[in-house]
Structure formats: structure tokens, C-alpha cells
Amino acid sequence: MRPMLQSTFCLQPPGDTPTRRSTFDAIIAGCIPVFFEDQSARTQYRWHLPEEAYGEFAVHIQKEDVVYKGLKILDVLMGISRARVRRMRQKVIELIPRVVYRKHGSSSSKGWKGQKDAFDIAIDGALEKIRSRVKGEVEIGDLSSV
């Protein structure tokens, strides 16, 4: 974790699964994640990491461009302006409450007033999924009785 605290960008190469715990470690450290696969956190953690804002807090480099076309990762990262890096890092910092579990009612959570943590977001997502399935079943049931 210490190297991430001292880094601007944290590479998130794919492993044996499309996602990595390191993605959350990077965000908690305020480090901008660099992904090489679309299937990384974009689809796995859409409740916690807003898909529509991905370009605001993460860098995506096609792994095929690196492996087969000789694209240099450092060149891509060095090509990002300091102003954009500052904006991206600010967005990463804003995401921190969404990827950690706080102790509800603790004095440290007072600064989080009105913000949901990872648990709140996971529960909301699960409930919404249940609601949509129940709604779908009701609609199907209504059609079959006609």
C-alpha cells in the first residue's frame, strides 16, 4: 500500500479474473487506476465506481496496443496534462467513501454525512436488483393471466 500512496498512477493489469482488489487499494491511496481491459472494474463494480464517469478517475489503455503495437505506457501517462491529473485525482478522492466500510455512528463518519459507503451502495444495488426482478415477474404474471 505504501508505494501506492507515493504514486500518481497505479497499474491494474488483468490477472486470473477481470477485477483486482488492488483497484480499491489504489483508490483509497488516492492513486489514479490504469486499466488494460474493459472488463476490469467498469462492469464488475458499476455500483461503486460510476461507469459514466470512468474517464474522470481512471485511465484505460488497450492491452493489445501495449503487447502488439509497442505502445509505451509511460508515454501515455506522461501525455496527460497536470491539470487533468489533478482533476482525476480529485475524483478518485471523492470516490473513497464509496469503496470503504465505515463504522456507522463513529465520530470519523461525521464528515461523511449524506454519503453512502460501500455497504450502503451494495445493499441499495441488491435491493434494486430484487425490485426489478419482482417487477419483471409481476409483469410476466399479468400478461399470462390476460
N, C-alpha and C. Protein backbone atom coordinates (compact mmCIF):
# COMPACT_ATOMS: atom_id res chain seq x y z
N MET A 1 0.82 -1.19 0.00
CA MET A 1 0.00 0.00 0.00
C MET A 1 0.87 1.26 0.00
N ARG A 2 2.01 1.21 0.67
CA ARG A 2 2.87 2.39 0.77
C ARG A 2 3.29 2.92 -0.61
N PRO A 3 3.70 2.05 -1.56
CA PRO A 3 4.06 2.58 -2.89
C PRO A 3 2.89 3.30 -3.57
N MET A 4 1.67 2.82 -3.35
CA MET A 4 0.51 3.48 -3.96
C MET A 4 0.32 4.88 -3.40
N LEU A 5 0.59 5.06 -2.12
CA LEU A 5 0.44 6.38 -1.50
C LEU A 5 1.41 7.39 -2.10
N GLN A 6 2.51 6.90 -2.66
CA GLN A 6 3.52 7.78 -3.23
C GLN A 6 3.43 7.88 -4.76
N SER A 7 2.41 7.26 -5.33
CA SER A 7 2.29 7.20 -6.79
C SER A 7 1.13 8.05 -7.29
N THR A 8 1.26 8.50 -8.52
CA THR A 8 0.17 9.22 -9.18
C THR A 8 -0.75 8.23 -9.88
N PHE A 9 -0.16 7.27 -10.59
CA PHE A 9 -0.92 6.26 -11.32
C PHE A 9 -0.60 4.88 -10.75
N CYS A 10 -1.60 4.01 -10.70
CA CYS A 10 -1.41 2.63 -10.25
C CYS A 10 -1.91 1.69 -11.33
N LEU A 11 -1.00 0.92 -11.91
CA LEU A 11 -1.36 0.00 -12.98
C LEU A 11 -2.20 -1.15 -12.44
N GLN A 12 -3.24 -1.51 -13.20
CA GLN A 12 -4.16 -2.58 -12.82
C GLN A 12 -4.22 -3.62 -13.94
N PRO A 13 -3.12 -4.34 -14.16
CA PRO A 13 -3.13 -5.35 -15.22
C PRO A 13 -4.10 -6.47 -14.88
N PRO A 14 -4.66 -7.11 -15.90
CA PRO A 14 -5.58 -8.21 -15.61
C PRO A 14 -4.83 -9.39 -15.00
N GLY A 15 -5.54 -10.12 -14.17
CA GLY A 15 -4.97 -11.32 -13.57
C GLY A 15 -5.77 -12.52 -14.02
N ASP A 16 -6.03 -13.42 -13.08
CA ASP A 16 -6.82 -14.60 -13.44
C ASP A 16 -8.31 -14.29 -13.49
N THR A 17 -8.70 -13.11 -13.00
CA THR A 17 -10.07 -12.62 -13.14
C THR A 17 -9.99 -11.19 -13.65
N PRO A 18 -11.09 -10.66 -14.20
CA PRO A 18 -11.03 -9.29 -14.74
C PRO A 18 -10.85 -8.21 -13.68
N THR A 19 -11.13 -8.52 -12.41
CA THR A 19 -11.05 -7.50 -11.38
C THR A 19 -9.89 -7.75 -10.44
N ARG A 20 -9.54 -6.70 -9.71
CA ARG A 20 -8.42 -6.79 -8.77
C ARG A 20 -8.77 -6.01 -7.51
N ARG A 21 -8.42 -6.57 -6.38
CA ARG A 21 -8.60 -5.83 -5.13
C ARG A 21 -7.73 -4.58 -5.14
N SER A 22 -6.63 -4.67 -5.84
CA SER A 22 -5.70 -3.56 -5.94
C SER A 22 -6.38 -2.29 -6.45
N THR A 23 -7.45 -2.43 -7.22
CA THR A 23 -8.17 -1.26 -7.70
C THR A 23 -8.67 -0.43 -6.53
N PHE A 24 -9.25 -1.10 -5.54
CA PHE A 24 -9.76 -0.39 -4.37
C PHE A 24 -8.62 0.15 -3.51
N ASP A 25 -7.54 -0.61 -3.38
CA ASP A 25 -6.38 -0.12 -2.65
C ASP A 25 -5.86 1.17 -3.29
N ALA A 26 -5.80 1.18 -4.62
CA ALA A 26 -5.33 2.37 -5.33
C ALA A 26 -6.22 3.56 -5.05
N ILE A 27 -7.52 3.38 -5.13
CA ILE A 27 -8.45 4.48 -4.90
C ILE A 27 -8.32 5.00 -3.47
N ILE A 28 -8.25 4.09 -2.51
CA ILE A 28 -8.10 4.50 -1.11
C ILE A 28 -6.80 5.29 -0.92
N ALA A 29 -5.77 4.96 -1.68
CA ALA A 29 -4.48 5.66 -1.60
C ALA A 29 -4.49 6.97 -2.39
N GLY A 30 -5.58 7.26 -3.11
CA GLY A 30 -5.64 8.47 -3.92
C GLY A 30 -4.87 8.35 -5.21
N CYS A 31 -4.65 7.13 -5.66
CA CYS A 31 -3.86 6.84 -6.86
C CYS A 31 -4.80 6.57 -8.04
N ILE A 32 -4.53 7.15 -9.17
CA ILE A 32 -5.38 7.01 -10.36
C ILE A 32 -5.17 5.62 -10.96
N PRO A 33 -6.23 4.80 -11.02
CA PRO A 33 -6.07 3.46 -11.59
C PRO A 33 -5.90 3.49 -13.11
N VAL A 34 -5.04 2.62 -13.61
CA VAL A 34 -4.81 2.48 -15.05
C VAL A 34 -5.21 1.06 -15.42
N PHE A 35 -6.28 0.94 -16.22
CA PHE A 35 -6.81 -0.36 -16.60
C PHE A 35 -6.38 -0.73 -18.02
N PHE A 36 -6.31 -2.04 -18.26
CA PHE A 36 -5.91 -2.55 -19.56
C PHE A 36 -6.98 -3.42 -20.19
N GLU A 37 -8.09 -3.61 -19.50
CA GLU A 37 -9.21 -4.40 -20.01
C GLU A 37 -10.51 -3.69 -19.69
N ASP A 38 -11.43 -3.68 -20.66
CA ASP A 38 -12.74 -3.09 -20.42
C ASP A 38 -13.49 -3.82 -19.32
N GLN A 39 -13.24 -5.11 -19.18
CA GLN A 39 -13.96 -5.90 -18.20
C GLN A 39 -13.47 -5.68 -16.78
N SER A 40 -12.47 -4.85 -16.60
CA SER A 40 -11.97 -4.62 -15.25
C SER A 40 -13.09 -4.07 -14.39
N ALA A 41 -12.82 -3.10 -13.60
CA ALA A 41 -13.82 -2.61 -12.65
C ALA A 41 -15.04 -2.00 -13.32
N ARG A 42 -14.94 -1.63 -14.57
CA ARG A 42 -16.06 -0.97 -15.27
C ARG A 42 -17.35 -1.78 -15.19
N THR A 43 -17.28 -3.07 -15.39
CA THR A 43 -18.50 -3.88 -15.34
C THR A 43 -18.68 -4.57 -14.00
N GLN A 44 -17.60 -4.87 -13.32
CA GLN A 44 -17.70 -5.60 -12.07
C GLN A 44 -18.20 -4.74 -10.91
N TYR A 45 -17.83 -3.49 -10.90
CA TYR A 45 -18.12 -2.63 -9.75
C TYR A 45 -18.92 -1.40 -10.13
N ARG A 46 -19.87 -1.55 -11.03
CA ARG A 46 -20.59 -0.37 -11.50
C ARG A 46 -21.43 0.29 -10.42
N TRP A 47 -21.77 -0.43 -9.36
CA TRP A 47 -22.48 0.22 -8.25
C TRP A 47 -21.55 1.18 -7.52
N HIS A 48 -20.30 0.79 -7.34
CA HIS A 48 -19.36 1.57 -6.54
C HIS A 48 -18.55 2.58 -7.35
N LEU A 49 -18.26 2.23 -8.59
CA LEU A 49 -17.47 3.11 -9.45
C LEU A 49 -18.33 3.49 -10.65
N PRO A 50 -18.84 4.70 -10.68
CA PRO A 50 -19.80 5.09 -11.73
C PRO A 50 -19.22 4.96 -13.14
N GLU A 51 -19.84 4.09 -13.93
CA GLU A 51 -19.36 3.80 -15.28
C GLU A 51 -19.33 5.04 -16.16
N GLU A 52 -20.32 5.90 -16.01
CA GLU A 52 -20.39 7.10 -16.86
C GLU A 52 -19.27 8.09 -16.55
N ALA A 53 -18.61 7.93 -15.41
CA ALA A 53 -17.55 8.86 -15.02
C ALA A 53 -16.16 8.24 -15.09
N TYR A 54 -16.04 7.09 -15.72
CA TYR A 54 -14.76 6.37 -15.72
C TYR A 54 -13.59 7.22 -16.21
N GLY A 55 -13.79 7.96 -17.28
CA GLY A 55 -12.72 8.79 -17.81
C GLY A 55 -12.30 9.90 -16.88
N GLU A 56 -13.12 10.17 -15.87
CA GLU A 56 -12.81 11.24 -14.92
C GLU A 56 -11.89 10.77 -13.79
N PHE A 57 -11.81 9.46 -13.54
CA PHE A 57 -10.99 8.99 -12.42
C PHE A 57 -10.04 7.86 -12.79
N ALA A 58 -10.08 7.37 -14.03
CA ALA A 58 -9.22 6.25 -14.42
C ALA A 58 -8.71 6.44 -15.84
N VAL A 59 -7.61 5.75 -16.12
CA VAL A 59 -7.04 5.74 -17.47
C VAL A 59 -7.25 4.34 -18.02
N HIS A 60 -7.62 4.25 -19.29
CA HIS A 60 -7.77 2.94 -19.93
C HIS A 60 -6.82 2.88 -21.12
N ILE A 61 -5.97 1.88 -21.11
CA ILE A 61 -5.03 1.63 -22.21
C ILE A 61 -5.30 0.22 -22.70
N GLN A 62 -5.56 0.06 -23.99
CA GLN A 62 -5.82 -1.27 -24.54
C GLN A 62 -4.57 -2.14 -24.40
N LYS A 63 -4.72 -3.29 -23.77
CA LYS A 63 -3.56 -4.18 -23.59
C LYS A 63 -2.99 -4.63 -24.93
N GLU A 64 -3.86 -4.77 -25.93
CA GLU A 64 -3.39 -5.18 -27.26
C GLU A 64 -2.44 -4.14 -27.86
N ASP A 65 -2.72 -2.86 -27.58
CA ASP A 65 -1.84 -1.80 -28.09
C ASP A 65 -0.46 -1.88 -27.44
N VAL A 66 -0.41 -2.26 -26.19
CA VAL A 66 0.86 -2.39 -25.48
C VAL A 66 1.61 -3.63 -25.96
N VAL A 67 0.91 -4.74 -26.03
CA VAL A 67 1.54 -6.03 -26.36
C VAL A 67 1.92 -6.12 -27.83
N TYR A 68 1.00 -5.76 -28.72
CA TYR A 68 1.21 -6.00 -30.15
C TYR A 68 1.67 -4.78 -30.95
N LYS A 69 1.37 -3.60 -30.46
CA LYS A 69 1.72 -2.40 -31.23
C LYS A 69 2.86 -1.60 -30.62
N GLY A 70 3.36 -2.05 -29.48
CA GLY A 70 4.51 -1.39 -28.87
C GLY A 70 4.21 -0.08 -28.17
N LEU A 71 2.95 0.18 -27.86
CA LEU A 71 2.59 1.41 -27.16
C LEU A 71 3.28 1.42 -25.79
N LYS A 72 3.90 2.53 -25.46
CA LYS A 72 4.60 2.67 -24.19
C LYS A 72 3.66 3.28 -23.15
N ILE A 73 3.42 2.55 -22.09
CA ILE A 73 2.51 3.01 -21.03
C ILE A 73 2.97 4.36 -20.48
N LEU A 74 4.25 4.49 -20.23
CA LEU A 74 4.78 5.73 -19.68
C LEU A 74 4.50 6.91 -20.61
N ASP A 75 4.62 6.70 -21.92
CA ASP A 75 4.33 7.78 -22.88
C ASP A 75 2.88 8.24 -22.76
N VAL A 76 1.96 7.29 -22.61
CA VAL A 76 0.54 7.63 -22.47
C VAL A 76 0.33 8.44 -21.20
N LEU A 77 0.89 7.97 -20.10
CA LEU A 77 0.68 8.64 -18.82
C LEU A 77 1.35 10.00 -18.76
N MET A 78 2.53 10.11 -19.35
CA MET A 78 3.23 11.41 -19.39
C MET A 78 2.50 12.41 -20.29
N GLY A 79 1.69 11.90 -21.20
CA GLY A 79 0.94 12.77 -22.11
C GLY A 79 -0.31 13.38 -21.48
N ILE A 80 -0.63 12.98 -20.27
CA ILE A 80 -1.81 13.53 -19.59
C ILE A 80 -1.39 14.81 -18.87
N SER A 81 -2.11 15.89 -19.13
CA SER A 81 -1.73 17.19 -18.56
C SER A 81 -1.82 17.18 -17.04
N ARG A 82 -1.04 18.04 -16.41
CA ARG A 82 -1.06 18.14 -14.95
C ARG A 82 -2.45 18.55 -14.45
N ALA A 83 -3.10 19.42 -15.20
CA ALA A 83 -4.44 19.86 -14.80
C ALA A 83 -5.41 18.68 -14.80
N ARG A 84 -5.32 17.85 -15.83
CA ARG A 84 -6.21 16.68 -15.90
C ARG A 84 -5.88 15.69 -14.79
N VAL A 85 -4.60 15.50 -14.51
CA VAL A 85 -4.19 14.60 -13.42
C VAL A 85 -4.78 15.10 -12.10
N ARG A 86 -4.73 16.42 -11.86
CA ARG A 86 -5.30 16.98 -10.62
C ARG A 86 -6.80 16.71 -10.55
N ARG A 87 -7.51 16.90 -11.67
CA ARG A 87 -8.96 16.65 -11.69
C ARG A 87 -9.26 15.16 -11.46
N MET A 88 -8.47 14.30 -12.08
CA MET A 88 -8.68 12.86 -11.92
C MET A 88 -8.42 12.44 -10.46
N ARG A 89 -7.36 12.95 -9.90
CA ARG A 89 -7.05 12.60 -8.51
C ARG A 89 -8.14 13.11 -7.57
N GLN A 90 -8.67 14.29 -7.83
CA GLN A 90 -9.77 14.82 -7.01
C GLN A 90 -10.98 13.89 -7.11
N LYS A 91 -11.27 13.41 -8.31
CA LYS A 91 -12.40 12.49 -8.49
C LYS A 91 -12.14 11.18 -7.74
N VAL A 92 -10.91 10.69 -7.79
CA VAL A 92 -10.55 9.47 -7.05
C VAL A 92 -10.81 9.69 -5.56
N ILE A 93 -10.39 10.83 -5.04
CA ILE A 93 -10.59 11.13 -3.62
C ILE A 93 -12.08 11.17 -3.29
N GLU A 94 -12.88 11.72 -4.19
CA GLU A 94 -14.34 11.76 -3.98
C GLU A 94 -14.94 10.35 -3.94
N LEU A 95 -14.31 9.40 -4.60
CA LEU A 95 -14.81 8.02 -4.64
C LEU A 95 -14.47 7.21 -3.39
N ILE A 96 -13.53 7.66 -2.60
CA ILE A 96 -13.07 6.87 -1.45
C ILE A 96 -14.22 6.40 -0.56
N PRO A 97 -15.16 7.27 -0.17
CA PRO A 97 -16.25 6.78 0.69
C PRO A 97 -17.05 5.64 0.06
N ARG A 98 -17.09 5.57 -1.26
CA ARG A 98 -17.88 4.54 -1.94
C ARG A 98 -17.22 3.16 -1.93
N VAL A 99 -15.93 3.09 -1.58
CA VAL A 99 -15.22 1.81 -1.62
C VAL A 99 -14.70 1.35 -0.26
N VAL A 100 -15.08 2.05 0.80
CA VAL A 100 -14.68 1.63 2.15
C VAL A 100 -15.92 1.41 3.00
N TYR A 101 -15.74 0.63 4.04
CA TYR A 101 -16.81 0.37 5.00
C TYR A 101 -16.52 1.20 6.25
N ARG A 102 -17.43 2.06 6.59
CA ARG A 102 -17.22 2.86 7.79
C ARG A 102 -18.00 2.24 8.95
N LYS A 103 -17.58 2.58 10.13
CA LYS A 103 -18.31 2.15 11.32
C LYS A 103 -19.42 3.18 11.52
N HIS A 104 -20.63 2.79 11.26
CA HIS A 104 -21.75 3.72 11.35
C HIS A 104 -21.87 4.28 12.76
N GLY A 105 -22.06 5.58 12.81
CA GLY A 105 -22.21 6.26 14.09
C GLY A 105 -20.89 6.65 14.72
N SER A 106 -19.78 6.29 14.12
CA SER A 106 -18.48 6.65 14.68
C SER A 106 -18.20 8.12 14.43
N SER A 107 -17.36 8.70 15.24
CA SER A 107 -17.06 10.12 15.09
C SER A 107 -16.37 10.39 13.76
N SER A 108 -15.61 9.41 13.25
CA SER A 108 -14.91 9.62 11.98
C SER A 108 -15.87 9.66 10.80
N SER A 109 -17.08 9.14 10.97
CA SER A 109 -18.02 9.13 9.85
C SER A 109 -18.83 10.42 9.77
N LYS A 110 -18.63 11.34 10.72
CA LYS A 110 -19.40 12.59 10.70
C LYS A 110 -19.11 13.42 9.46
N GLY A 111 -17.89 13.37 8.96
CA GLY A 111 -17.55 14.09 7.74
C GLY A 111 -18.18 13.48 6.50
N TRP A 112 -18.76 12.31 6.66
CA TRP A 112 -19.38 11.58 5.55
C TRP A 112 -20.88 11.81 5.51
N LYS A 113 -21.36 12.71 6.31
CA LYS A 113 -22.81 12.91 6.40
C LYS A 113 -23.43 13.00 5.01
N GLY A 114 -24.42 12.16 4.78
CA GLY A 114 -25.11 12.16 3.49
C GLY A 114 -24.44 11.33 2.42
N GLN A 115 -23.23 10.82 2.69
CA GLN A 115 -22.53 9.99 1.70
C GLN A 115 -22.69 8.53 2.07
N LYS A 116 -22.88 7.72 1.05
CA LYS A 116 -23.03 6.28 1.27
C LYS A 116 -21.67 5.60 1.19
N ASP A 117 -21.48 4.59 2.04
CA ASP A 117 -20.24 3.82 1.97
C ASP A 117 -20.47 2.57 1.12
N ALA A 118 -19.46 1.73 1.03
CA ALA A 118 -19.53 0.54 0.16
C ALA A 118 -20.68 -0.38 0.56
N PHE A 119 -20.93 -0.52 1.85
CA PHE A 119 -22.02 -1.38 2.30
C PHE A 119 -23.37 -0.81 1.88
N ASP A 120 -23.58 0.48 2.12
CA ASP A 120 -24.84 1.12 1.73
C ASP A 120 -25.10 0.93 0.23
N ILE A 121 -24.06 1.14 -0.56
CA ILE A 121 -24.19 1.04 -2.02
C ILE A 121 -24.50 -0.39 -2.44
N ALA A 122 -23.83 -1.37 -1.82
CA ALA A 122 -24.09 -2.78 -2.15
C ALA A 122 -25.52 -3.18 -1.78
N ILE A 123 -25.99 -2.75 -0.63
CA ILE A 123 -27.36 -3.07 -0.22
C ILE A 123 -28.36 -2.41 -1.17
N ASP A 124 -28.15 -1.13 -1.49
CA ASP A 124 -29.05 -0.44 -2.43
C ASP A 124 -29.08 -1.17 -3.78
N GLY A 125 -27.91 -1.57 -4.27
CA GLY A 125 -27.83 -2.27 -5.55
C GLY A 125 -28.55 -3.61 -5.51
N ALA A 126 -28.36 -4.35 -4.43
CA ALA A 126 -29.03 -5.65 -4.30
C ALA A 126 -30.54 -5.48 -4.22
N LEU A 127 -30.99 -4.50 -3.45
CA LEU A 127 -32.44 -4.25 -3.33
C LEU A 127 -33.04 -3.84 -4.67
N GLU A 128 -32.33 -3.01 -5.41
CA GLU A 128 -32.82 -2.58 -6.73
C GLU A 128 -32.91 -3.77 -7.68
N LYS A 129 -31.93 -4.65 -7.61
CA LYS A 129 -31.95 -5.85 -8.46
C LYS A 129 -33.15 -6.73 -8.11
N ILE A 130 -33.41 -6.89 -6.82
CA ILE A 130 -34.57 -7.67 -6.38
C ILE A 130 -35.86 -7.02 -6.86
N ARG A 131 -35.96 -5.69 -6.68
CA ARG A 131 -37.16 -4.97 -7.13
C ARG A 131 -37.40 -5.16 -8.62
N SER A 132 -36.35 -5.05 -9.41
CA SER A 132 -36.53 -5.18 -10.86
C SER A 132 -36.93 -6.60 -11.24
N ARG A 133 -36.40 -7.59 -10.54
CA ARG A 133 -36.80 -8.98 -10.83
C ARG A 133 -38.24 -9.23 -10.42
N VAL A 134 -38.63 -8.72 -9.27
CA VAL A 134 -40.01 -8.89 -8.82
C VAL A 134 -40.96 -8.18 -9.78
N LYS A 135 -40.59 -6.98 -10.17
CA LYS A 135 -41.41 -6.22 -11.12
C LYS A 135 -41.54 -6.99 -12.43
N GLY A 136 -40.45 -7.55 -12.91
CA GLY A 136 -40.47 -8.34 -14.14
C GLY A 136 -41.36 -9.56 -14.01
N GLU A 137 -41.31 -10.22 -12.87
CA GLU A 137 -42.16 -11.40 -12.65
C GLU A 137 -43.63 -11.01 -12.58
N VAL A 138 -43.91 -9.87 -11.94
CA VAL A 138 -45.30 -9.42 -11.84
C VAL A 138 -45.83 -9.09 -13.23
N GLU A 139 -45.00 -8.39 -14.03
CA GLU A 139 -45.44 -8.04 -15.38
C GLU A 139 -45.68 -9.29 -16.21
N ILE A 140 -44.80 -10.27 -16.11
CA ILE A 140 -44.99 -11.52 -16.85
C ILE A 140 -46.25 -12.22 -16.36
N GLY A 141 -46.45 -12.24 -15.05
CA GLY A 141 -47.65 -12.85 -14.49
C GLY A 141 -48.91 -12.15 -14.97
N ASP A 142 -48.86 -10.82 -15.04
CA ASP A 142 -50.02 -10.07 -15.52
C ASP A 142 -50.35 -10.43 -16.96
N LEU A 143 -49.32 -10.57 -17.79
CA LEU A 143 -49.54 -10.88 -19.21
C LEU A 143 -50.11 -12.29 -19.38
N SER A 144 -49.66 -13.22 -18.57
CA SER A 144 -50.13 -14.60 -18.74
C SER A 144 -51.57 -14.78 -18.29
N SER A 145 -52.05 -13.87 -17.44
CA SER A 145 -53.44 -14.01 -16.99
C SER A 145 -54.42 -13.35 -17.94
N VAL A 146 -53.93 -12.66 -18.96
CA VAL A 146 -54.80 -11.97 -19.93
C VAL A 146 -55.32 -12.93 -20.95
